[in-house]
Amino acid sequence: MHVLNQTPPYNLFGLEEQDYNAARIAVLPVPYDSTVSYRSGARNGPRAIIEASRGMELYSEELGIDVSKVGIYTLEELAPDFSSPESMVNRIKKEVDVILQDSKFPVLIGGEHTISLGAIKSIAGREKEFSVLQFDAHSDSRDEFMGAKVCHATVMARAREIAKGCFSVGVRSVDERSAGEHEKEILFMKDMGGMSAKEIAGTISKNTESSIYLTVDLDVLDPSEMPSVGTPEPDGMRFRELVDVVKELAKTKRFVGMDFTELSPIPGLIAPDYLAAKLIYLAIGSIFIKNARV
C-alpha cells in the first residue's frame, strides 16, 4: 500500500527504487572513529549525510541531469571492529573486495579517515597502477601517531606503501618531517591562492597516474562552510572550488573509487551535512555522466 506523503526511503539520496544488480555504484557507510585524537563524532557522519541527502532534488541543475539514474545502491552500515584499527581496515577491505568483484564502483562515507586504507588495499589488488588523490587540511603523513601505525594521522603514510603514487591538495597543517619529505607530493593551500580550478586540476594531473582513487577529508573545506569536522583548520578550500576541480579531473582521469570522511555532525546544524551530500552527488555525476555539463 502506498502511503500518501511518506518520507523518502532511508538510503543515500532517498531513492525510491534500489537494484543492486543494476547499480553501477555501491555506497558503503562506515560509522567508525576509534582513532580520532581531537573531537570525536565522525561515527555519526554517515547517518547525517544520508539523512540530509534524502531532502535533495535528484535533478542537478548544474549538471543538467538526474544523477541517480546512473544506478546507486546503498549498502547496510558496516559494523565497526573495535579490536584494532588494523582489524577494521581489513574488514573494510573484504567488503570493498565484494563490491569490486560485483563490478561496482565503491563510494565509502565515513567515519574517520582511517577507513580509506581498507578501500585502497582492495583497489590495489585489482589495479596495477593508480594514484591516491587526497583533499585534506592535514597531510596525514606521519609514520606513527600516539603509538599507532594505522590511524587517521598516518593514512597517507600507509597509502604510499600501497599505491603507485599519492598527491595531496589543500594541506595547511603538516608536521615538519612530512613537510620536507613529501613537499613535491603536496599542493599546499598557501600556494593555491589565485589558481583556477583548471590550474589546480592540471597540477594534479601532472602528479598522478591516469587512474585515481579519490579520498576527501571534509576538513579540506574552510570552516565557514564546513565547521562539522573533528579538526577544523582555517583558510581552506571552498565547496565551489572543490567541485570544479573534480569536474575538471573527470574529463581526463579514470576514477577507481572514492570516499568522503570526517564529517562530525553538530546537533542542530544541518547545512554542513547537506553540503557533504551535495558534494558526493556532484562528484558522482561529474565522473559517471559523460553528457553532463562539466
Protein backbone atom coordinates (compact mmCIF):
# COMPACT_ATOMS: atom_id res chain seq x y z
CA MET A 1 0.00 0.00 0.00
CA HIS A 2 1.28 3.45 -0.92
CA VAL A 3 1.21 5.92 1.95
CA LEU A 4 0.47 9.49 0.96
CA ASN A 5 3.24 11.99 1.76
CA GLN A 6 5.55 9.27 3.03
CA THR A 7 9.15 10.21 3.73
CA PRO A 8 11.87 9.12 1.29
CA PRO A 9 13.43 5.70 1.89
CA TYR A 10 16.45 5.53 4.16
CA ASN A 11 19.30 5.34 1.69
CA LEU A 12 21.74 7.81 0.17
CA PHE A 13 19.65 10.37 -1.76
CA GLY A 14 16.38 8.73 -0.65
CA LEU A 15 15.96 6.71 -3.82
CA GLU A 16 12.55 5.12 -4.27
CA GLU A 17 13.97 2.13 -6.09
CA GLN A 18 17.29 0.41 -5.49
CA ASP A 19 18.57 -2.52 -7.54
CA TYR A 20 22.00 -3.81 -6.56
CA ASN A 21 22.40 -5.92 -9.70
CA ALA A 22 21.71 -2.97 -11.99
CA ALA A 23 23.60 -0.36 -9.94
CA ARG A 24 26.97 0.92 -11.10
CA ILE A 25 27.76 2.44 -7.71
CA ALA A 26 27.73 0.76 -4.31
CA VAL A 27 27.73 3.10 -1.31
CA LEU A 28 29.24 1.71 1.89
CA PRO A 29 28.56 3.69 5.10
CA VAL A 30 31.34 3.15 7.67
CA PRO A 31 30.49 4.66 11.11
CA TYR A 32 33.96 4.36 12.64
CA ASP A 33 36.01 6.91 14.61
CA SER A 34 38.03 4.95 17.15
CA THR A 35 41.39 6.62 16.45
CA VAL A 36 40.37 10.28 16.38
CA SER A 37 42.61 12.45 18.54
CA TYR A 38 40.67 15.69 18.97
CA ARG A 39 36.89 15.93 18.51
CA SER A 40 35.03 12.65 18.16
CA GLY A 41 31.71 12.16 16.40
CA ALA A 42 32.69 11.09 12.87
CA ARG A 43 30.97 7.77 13.53
CA ASN A 44 27.72 9.76 13.18
CA GLY A 45 28.76 11.15 9.81
CA PRO A 46 27.26 8.51 7.52
CA ARG A 47 23.80 8.75 9.05
CA ALA A 48 23.88 12.55 8.97
CA ILE A 49 24.85 12.55 5.30
CA ILE A 50 22.17 10.00 4.41
CA GLU A 51 19.51 11.93 6.35
CA ALA A 52 20.40 15.21 4.64
CA SER A 53 20.60 13.59 1.20
CA ARG A 54 17.01 12.40 1.46
CA GLY A 55 15.89 16.03 1.15
CA MET A 56 17.84 16.74 -2.03
CA GLU A 57 16.40 17.20 -5.50
CA LEU A 58 17.64 14.35 -7.69
CA TYR A 59 17.83 16.58 -10.75
CA SER A 60 21.04 18.60 -10.76
CA GLU A 61 20.55 21.96 -12.41
CA GLU A 62 24.33 22.30 -12.52
CA LEU A 63 24.96 19.09 -14.45
CA GLY A 64 21.63 19.10 -16.28
CA ILE A 65 20.84 15.51 -15.27
CA ASP A 66 19.23 13.30 -12.66
CA VAL A 67 22.45 11.80 -11.29
CA SER A 68 20.65 8.95 -9.55
CA LYS A 69 19.84 7.38 -12.93
CA VAL A 70 23.43 6.13 -13.10
CA GLY A 71 22.38 3.46 -10.60
CA ILE A 72 23.24 3.94 -6.93
CA TYR A 73 22.76 1.32 -4.23
CA THR A 74 23.31 1.99 -0.52
CA LEU A 75 24.55 -1.00 1.44
CA GLU A 76 23.93 -1.54 5.14
CA GLU A 77 26.25 0.21 7.57
CA LEU A 78 29.45 -1.71 8.19
CA ALA A 79 29.63 -2.67 11.85
CA PRO A 80 32.80 -1.28 13.50
CA ASP A 81 35.54 -3.62 14.68
CA PHE A 82 36.88 -2.14 17.90
CA SER A 83 39.61 -4.75 18.44
CA SER A 84 42.17 -2.72 16.47
CA PRO A 85 42.39 -0.24 13.58
CA GLU A 86 44.16 -2.91 11.53
CA SER A 87 41.23 -5.28 12.01
CA MET A 88 38.78 -2.58 10.96
CA VAL A 89 40.82 -1.81 7.84
CA ASN A 90 40.79 -5.49 6.91
CA ARG A 91 37.04 -5.68 7.46
CA ILE A 92 36.55 -2.74 5.08
CA LYS A 93 38.89 -4.33 2.53
CA LYS A 94 36.81 -7.51 2.49
CA GLU A 95 33.61 -5.53 1.91
CA VAL A 96 35.15 -3.49 -0.89
CA ASP A 97 36.56 -6.68 -2.41
CA VAL A 98 32.98 -7.90 -2.83
CA ILE A 99 31.89 -4.58 -4.34
CA LEU A 100 34.71 -4.74 -6.89
CA GLN A 101 34.07 -8.42 -7.63
CA ASP A 102 30.49 -7.43 -8.46
CA SER A 103 31.83 -4.81 -10.89
CA LYS A 104 30.55 -1.89 -8.80
CA PHE A 105 32.26 1.44 -8.15
CA PRO A 106 32.84 1.81 -4.39
CA VAL A 107 31.85 5.02 -2.60
CA LEU A 108 32.61 4.98 1.12
CA ILE A 109 31.14 7.51 3.52
CA GLY A 110 32.74 7.84 6.94
CA GLY A 111 33.63 7.87 9.59
CA GLU A 112 37.24 8.87 10.19
CA HIS A 113 39.92 8.95 7.54
CA THR A 114 41.39 5.58 8.54
CA ILE A 115 38.60 3.88 6.58
CA SER A 116 40.28 4.89 3.31
CA LEU A 117 43.01 2.31 3.81
CA GLY A 118 40.60 -0.60 3.52
CA ALA A 119 39.37 0.61 0.15
CA ILE A 120 42.88 1.47 -1.08
CA LYS A 121 44.11 -2.02 -0.16
CA SER A 122 41.22 -3.57 -2.06
CA ILE A 123 41.77 -1.39 -5.13
CA ALA A 124 45.47 -2.32 -5.11
CA GLY A 125 44.50 -5.95 -5.53
CA ARG A 126 42.95 -5.13 -8.90
CA GLU A 127 44.74 -2.05 -10.22
CA LYS A 128 48.43 -2.26 -11.13
CA GLU A 129 48.99 1.48 -11.31
CA PHE A 130 46.81 4.08 -9.62
CA SER A 131 47.31 7.18 -7.53
CA VAL A 132 45.60 8.19 -4.32
CA LEU A 133 44.38 11.77 -4.59
CA GLN A 134 43.79 13.30 -1.17
CA PHE A 135 41.90 16.51 -0.45
CA ASP A 136 42.64 17.31 3.18
CA ALA A 137 43.60 20.12 5.54
CA HIS A 138 46.18 17.76 7.06
CA SER A 139 48.92 15.78 5.35
CA ASP A 140 48.16 12.64 7.40
CA SER A 141 51.72 11.57 6.59
CA ARG A 142 53.16 10.69 9.98
CA ASP A 143 54.68 7.23 10.10
CA GLU A 144 53.32 6.82 13.60
CA PHE A 145 50.99 8.85 15.79
CA MET A 146 50.42 8.34 19.51
CA GLY A 147 51.98 4.91 19.20
CA ALA A 148 49.78 3.81 16.30
CA LYS A 149 50.95 2.93 12.80
CA VAL A 150 47.37 2.79 11.49
CA CYS A 151 45.18 5.77 12.39
CA HIS A 152 43.68 8.92 10.91
CA ALA A 153 47.05 10.75 11.09
CA THR A 154 49.00 8.04 9.23
CA VAL A 155 46.62 7.30 6.37
CA MET A 156 48.82 8.71 3.63
CA ALA A 157 51.99 7.15 5.04
CA ARG A 158 50.33 3.76 4.75
CA ALA A 159 48.78 4.65 1.36
CA ARG A 160 52.25 5.38 -0.04
CA GLU A 161 53.20 1.82 0.81
CA ILE A 162 50.31 0.54 -1.32
CA ALA A 163 49.62 2.84 -4.27
CA LYS A 164 51.82 3.82 -7.21
CA GLY A 165 51.72 7.44 -6.10
CA CYS A 166 49.95 9.85 -3.79
CA PHE A 167 49.16 13.52 -4.14
CA SER A 168 47.59 15.81 -1.55
CA VAL A 169 45.70 19.08 -2.10
CA GLY A 170 44.58 21.83 0.26
CA VAL A 171 47.00 20.95 3.06
CA ARG A 172 47.62 23.62 5.69
CA SER A 173 48.64 21.53 8.69
CA VAL A 174 51.68 19.28 8.47
CA ASP A 175 54.47 18.01 10.72
CA GLU A 176 58.00 19.20 9.95
CA ARG A 177 59.32 15.86 8.67
CA SER A 178 56.43 15.35 6.27
CA ALA A 179 56.66 18.93 5.01
CA GLY A 180 60.19 18.32 3.81
CA GLU A 181 59.97 14.69 2.81
CA HIS A 182 56.72 14.94 0.82
CA GLU A 183 56.90 18.53 -0.39
CA LYS A 184 56.68 17.51 -4.06
CA GLU A 185 53.61 15.39 -3.36
CA ILE A 186 51.60 18.16 -1.71
CA LEU A 187 49.86 21.21 -3.15
CA PHE A 188 49.74 23.39 -0.05
CA MET A 189 46.86 25.76 0.48
CA LYS A 190 49.31 28.66 0.76
CA ASP A 191 50.35 28.03 -2.84
CA MET A 192 46.82 27.74 -4.22
CA GLY A 193 45.90 31.41 -3.94
CA GLY A 194 44.97 32.78 -7.36
CA MET A 195 44.95 29.34 -9.01
CA SER A 196 41.85 28.47 -11.01
CA ALA A 197 40.16 25.09 -10.71
CA LYS A 198 41.58 24.22 -14.12
CA GLU A 199 45.10 25.08 -12.96
CA ILE A 200 44.71 23.05 -9.77
CA ALA A 201 43.43 20.09 -11.78
CA GLY A 202 46.34 20.50 -14.18
CA THR A 203 48.83 20.33 -11.33
CA ILE A 204 47.11 17.22 -10.00
CA SER A 205 47.11 15.58 -13.44
CA LYS A 206 50.86 16.07 -13.82
CA ASN A 207 51.50 14.39 -10.49
CA THR A 208 49.12 11.41 -10.67
CA GLU A 209 48.59 8.25 -12.70
CA SER A 210 45.77 8.01 -15.21
CA SER A 211 43.70 6.07 -12.65
CA ILE A 212 42.78 7.76 -9.36
CA TYR A 213 41.32 6.77 -6.03
CA LEU A 214 39.78 9.92 -4.57
CA THR A 215 39.70 10.50 -0.82
CA VAL A 216 38.10 13.66 0.53
CA ASP A 217 38.55 14.61 4.17
CA LEU A 218 35.87 17.25 4.56
CA ASP A 219 38.15 19.42 6.70
CA VAL A 220 39.84 20.41 3.43
CA LEU A 221 36.97 22.90 3.22
CA ASP A 222 37.03 26.20 5.05
CA PRO A 223 35.34 26.03 8.48
CA SER A 224 33.00 28.84 7.42
CA GLU A 225 31.38 26.31 5.08
CA MET A 226 32.30 23.08 6.86
CA PRO A 227 32.55 23.53 10.64
CA SER A 228 31.38 19.97 11.35
CA VAL A 229 34.73 18.22 11.36
CA GLY A 230 36.90 16.84 14.11
CA THR A 231 39.90 19.08 13.46
CA PRO A 232 38.91 22.27 11.62
CA GLU A 233 41.68 24.36 10.08
CA PRO A 234 41.20 27.98 8.91
CA ASP A 235 41.81 29.20 5.36
CA GLY A 236 40.51 26.19 3.46
CA MET A 237 39.10 25.38 0.05
CA ARG A 238 35.57 26.35 -0.88
CA PHE A 239 32.82 24.00 -1.94
CA ARG A 240 32.63 25.55 -5.40
CA GLU A 241 36.38 25.28 -5.90
CA LEU A 242 36.46 21.62 -4.87
CA VAL A 243 33.53 20.67 -7.08
CA ASP A 244 35.06 22.44 -10.08
CA VAL A 245 38.41 20.67 -9.60
CA VAL A 246 36.70 17.28 -9.53
CA LYS A 247 34.72 18.19 -12.64
CA GLU A 248 37.94 19.12 -14.45
CA LEU A 249 39.66 15.90 -13.42
CA ALA A 250 36.68 13.83 -14.57
CA LYS A 251 37.37 14.95 -18.13
CA THR A 252 40.73 13.17 -18.30
CA LYS A 253 41.15 10.80 -15.35
CA ARG A 254 39.72 7.35 -14.66
CA PHE A 255 38.35 7.11 -11.13
CA VAL A 256 38.50 3.69 -9.47
CA GLY A 257 36.78 4.52 -6.18
CA MET A 258 36.30 7.31 -3.67
CA ASP A 259 35.48 8.13 -0.09
CA PHE A 260 34.24 11.12 1.89
CA THR A 261 35.29 11.20 5.53
CA GLU A 262 35.47 13.10 8.80
CA LEU A 263 32.03 14.69 8.96
CA SER A 264 31.39 15.10 12.68
CA PRO A 265 27.82 16.42 12.84
CA ILE A 266 26.97 19.33 15.11
CA PRO A 267 23.47 18.91 16.60
CA GLY A 268 21.05 21.42 15.13
CA LEU A 269 23.43 22.50 12.35
CA ILE A 270 22.39 20.61 9.23
CA ALA A 271 23.91 22.79 6.46
CA PRO A 272 27.30 21.00 6.57
CA ASP A 273 25.56 17.62 6.38
CA TYR A 274 23.69 18.78 3.31
CA LEU A 275 26.92 20.16 1.80
CA ALA A 276 28.58 16.76 2.19
CA ALA A 277 25.65 15.00 0.50
CA LYS A 278 25.62 17.50 -2.37
CA LEU A 279 29.38 17.13 -2.84
CA ILE A 280 29.06 13.36 -3.16
CA TYR A 281 26.16 13.73 -5.61
CA LEU A 282 28.02 16.17 -7.85
CA ALA A 283 31.18 14.07 -7.74
CA ILE A 284 29.24 11.00 -8.88
CA GLY A 285 27.53 12.96 -11.62
CA SER A 286 30.76 14.53 -12.87
CA ILE A 287 32.53 11.18 -13.05
CA PHE A 288 29.79 8.95 -14.43
CA ILE A 289 27.56 11.04 -16.67
CA LYS A 290 29.55 11.79 -19.79
CA ASN A 291 26.91 14.11 -21.22
CA ALA A 292 26.77 16.18 -18.05
CA ARG A 293 27.53 19.87 -18.30
CA VAL A 294 31.09 19.59 -16.96
